[in-house]
Amino acid sequence: MKKELKRIPKFKSEKEEREFWQTHDSTEYVEYKSLENWRFPNLKLTTKPITLRLPLDVIDRLKIRAHKMDVPYQSLIKQMIFEGLAR
């Protein structure tokens, strides 16, 4: 017996939609078994290159720390910026 699904309402904003899904069970609105698996392999985040002047000592320390963590130093810089903004 197939379950009768409720109709998803129209939302005026993302905030309204977020609040709705925080208080409702999505399985009453969506049949997850019938969903298709989609991939977007060429989808890239939009980035903008910037120039940032840092003292050589700071760059050297960043490179040493990144090497210890086995990550590229520019990735480490981005991670530090993200973490600093999250505070």
C-alpha atoms as a PDB file:
ATOM      1  CA  MET A   1       0.000   0.000   0.000  1.00  0.00           C
ATOM      2  CA  LYS A   2       1.444   3.303  -1.129  1.00  0.00           C
ATOM      3  CA  LYS A   3       1.626   6.048   1.466  1.00  0.00           C
ATOM      4  CA  GLU A   4      -0.263   9.252   0.651  1.00  0.00           C
ATOM      5  CA  LEU A   5       2.259  12.103   0.647  1.00  0.00           C
ATOM      6  CA  LYS A   6       1.463  15.597   1.828  1.00  0.00           C
ATOM      7  CA  ARG A   7       1.947  18.510  -0.541  1.00  0.00           C
ATOM      8  CA  ILE A   8       5.048  20.670   0.103  1.00  0.00           C
ATOM      9  CA  PRO A   9       3.917  24.245   0.707  1.00  0.00           C
ATOM     10  CA  LYS A  10       5.250  27.276  -1.171  1.00  0.00           C
ATOM     11  CA  PHE A  11       7.671  29.301   0.908  1.00  0.00           C
ATOM     12  CA  LYS A  12       8.163  33.064   0.829  1.00  0.00           C
ATOM     13  CA  SER A  13      11.787  32.882   1.978  1.00  0.00           C
ATOM     14  CA  GLU A  14      14.579  30.456   2.805  1.00  0.00           C
ATOM     15  CA  LYS A  15      14.106  31.305   6.474  1.00  0.00           C
ATOM     16  CA  GLU A  16      10.450  30.255   6.315  1.00  0.00           C
ATOM     17  CA  GLU A  17      11.397  27.017   4.552  1.00  0.00           C
ATOM     18  CA  ARG A  18      14.152  26.269   7.072  1.00  0.00           C
ATOM     19  CA  GLU A  19      11.745  26.806   9.985  1.00  0.00           C
ATOM     20  CA  PHE A  20       9.176  24.542   8.325  1.00  0.00           C
ATOM     21  CA  TRP A  21      11.588  21.627   7.835  1.00  0.00           C
ATOM     22  CA  GLN A  22      12.898  21.969  11.396  1.00  0.00           C
ATOM     23  CA  THR A  23       9.401  21.264  12.707  1.00  0.00           C
ATOM     24  CA  HIS A  24       8.060  18.759  10.150  1.00  0.00           C
ATOM     25  CA  ASP A  25       8.987  15.201   9.190  1.00  0.00           C
ATOM     26  CA  SER A  26      10.160  15.193   5.572  1.00  0.00           C
ATOM     27  CA  THR A  27       9.151  11.543   5.101  1.00  0.00           C
ATOM     28  CA  GLU A  28       5.534  12.715   5.118  1.00  0.00           C
ATOM     29  CA  TYR A  29       6.295  14.855   2.054  1.00  0.00           C
ATOM     30  CA  VAL A  30       8.962  12.983   0.072  1.00  0.00           C
ATOM     31  CA  GLU A  31       9.277   9.350  -1.034  1.00  0.00           C
ATOM     32  CA  TYR A  32      13.029   8.882  -0.659  1.00  0.00           C
ATOM     33  CA  LYS A  33      13.107   5.421  -2.243  1.00  0.00           C
ATOM     34  CA  SER A  34      12.145   6.890  -5.617  1.00  0.00           C
ATOM     35  CA  LEU A  35      14.839   9.592  -5.666  1.00  0.00           C
ATOM     36  CA  GLU A  36      17.603   9.499  -8.260  1.00  0.00           C
ATOM     37  CA  ASN A  37      21.279   9.905  -7.429  1.00  0.00           C
ATOM     38  CA  TRP A  38      22.724  12.993  -9.172  1.00  0.00           C
ATOM     39  CA  ARG A  39      26.361  14.047  -9.433  1.00  0.00           C
ATOM     40  CA  PHE A  40      27.816  17.373 -10.501  1.00  0.00           C
ATOM     41  CA  PRO A  41      31.510  16.580 -11.071  1.00  0.00           C
ATOM     42  CA  ASN A  42      32.363  19.868 -12.780  1.00  0.00           C
ATOM     43  CA  LEU A  43      30.687  22.084 -10.201  1.00  0.00           C
ATOM     44  CA  LYS A  44      33.264  24.382  -8.655  1.00  0.00           C
ATOM     45  CA  LEU A  45      33.006  26.858  -5.845  1.00  0.00           C
ATOM     46  CA  THR A  46      33.402  30.424  -7.008  1.00  0.00           C
ATOM     47  CA  THR A  47      36.634  31.899  -5.769  1.00  0.00           C
ATOM     48  CA  LYS A  48      38.428  35.149  -6.350  1.00  0.00           C
ATOM     49  CA  PRO A  49      42.204  35.368  -6.194  1.00  0.00           C
ATOM     50  CA  ILE A  50      43.596  38.033  -3.867  1.00  0.00           C
ATOM     51  CA  THR A  51      47.042  39.370  -3.090  1.00  0.00           C
ATOM     52  CA  LEU A  52      47.967  39.322   0.571  1.00  0.00           C
ATOM     53  CA  ARG A  53      51.316  40.653   1.726  1.00  0.00           C
ATOM     54  CA  LEU A  54      52.685  38.803   4.749  1.00  0.00           C
ATOM     55  CA  PRO A  55      56.096  38.908   6.409  1.00  0.00           C
ATOM     56  CA  LEU A  56      58.398  36.117   5.210  1.00  0.00           C
ATOM     57  CA  ASP A  57      58.654  34.775   8.760  1.00  0.00           C
ATOM     58  CA  VAL A  58      54.866  34.310   8.915  1.00  0.00           C
ATOM     59  CA  ILE A  59      54.821  32.539   5.537  1.00  0.00           C
ATOM     60  CA  ASP A  60      57.668  30.251   6.621  1.00  0.00           C
ATOM     61  CA  ARG A  61      55.847  29.380   9.856  1.00  0.00           C
ATOM     62  CA  LEU A  62      52.651  28.697   7.884  1.00  0.00           C
ATOM     63  CA  LYS A  63      54.502  26.411   5.486  1.00  0.00           C
ATOM     64  CA  ILE A  64      56.105  24.475   8.358  1.00  0.00           C
ATOM     65  CA  ARG A  65      52.771  23.994  10.121  1.00  0.00           C
ATOM     66  CA  ALA A  66      51.059  23.006   6.860  1.00  0.00           C
ATOM     67  CA  HIS A  67      53.810  20.496   6.124  1.00  0.00           C
ATOM     68  CA  LYS A  68      53.347  18.930   9.576  1.00  0.00           C
ATOM     69  CA  MET A  69      49.610  18.641   8.863  1.00  0.00           C
ATOM     70  CA  ASP A  70      50.275  17.352   5.308  1.00  0.00           C
ATOM     71  CA  VAL A  71      48.122  20.045   3.683  1.00  0.00           C
ATOM     72  CA  PRO A  72      49.021  22.800   1.201  1.00  0.00           C
ATOM     73  CA  TYR A  73      49.874  26.020   3.039  1.00  0.00           C
ATOM     74  CA  GLN A  74      47.320  28.063   1.099  1.00  0.00           C
ATOM     75  CA  SER A  75      44.612  25.611   2.187  1.00  0.00           C
ATOM     76  CA  LEU A  76      45.784  26.051   5.773  1.00  0.00           C
ATOM     77  CA  ILE A  77      45.509  29.836   5.407  1.00  0.00           C
ATOM     78  CA  LYS A  78      41.934  29.484   4.104  1.00  0.00           C
ATOM     79  CA  GLN A  79      41.046  27.139   6.959  1.00  0.00           C
ATOM     80  CA  MET A  80      42.430  29.609   9.508  1.00  0.00           C
ATOM     81  CA  ILE A  81      40.463  32.449   7.960  1.00  0.00           C
ATOM     82  CA  PHE A  82      37.221  30.420   7.994  1.00  0.00           C
ATOM     83  CA  GLU A  83      37.765  29.423  11.624  1.00  0.00           C
ATOM     84  CA  GLY A  84      38.530  33.012  12.600  1.00  0.00           C
ATOM     85  CA  LEU A  85      35.348  34.250  10.917  1.00  0.00           C
ATOM     86  CA  ALA A  86      33.261  31.590  12.666  1.00  0.00           C
ATOM     87  CA  ARG A  87      34.124  33.004  16.093  1.00  0.00           C
END
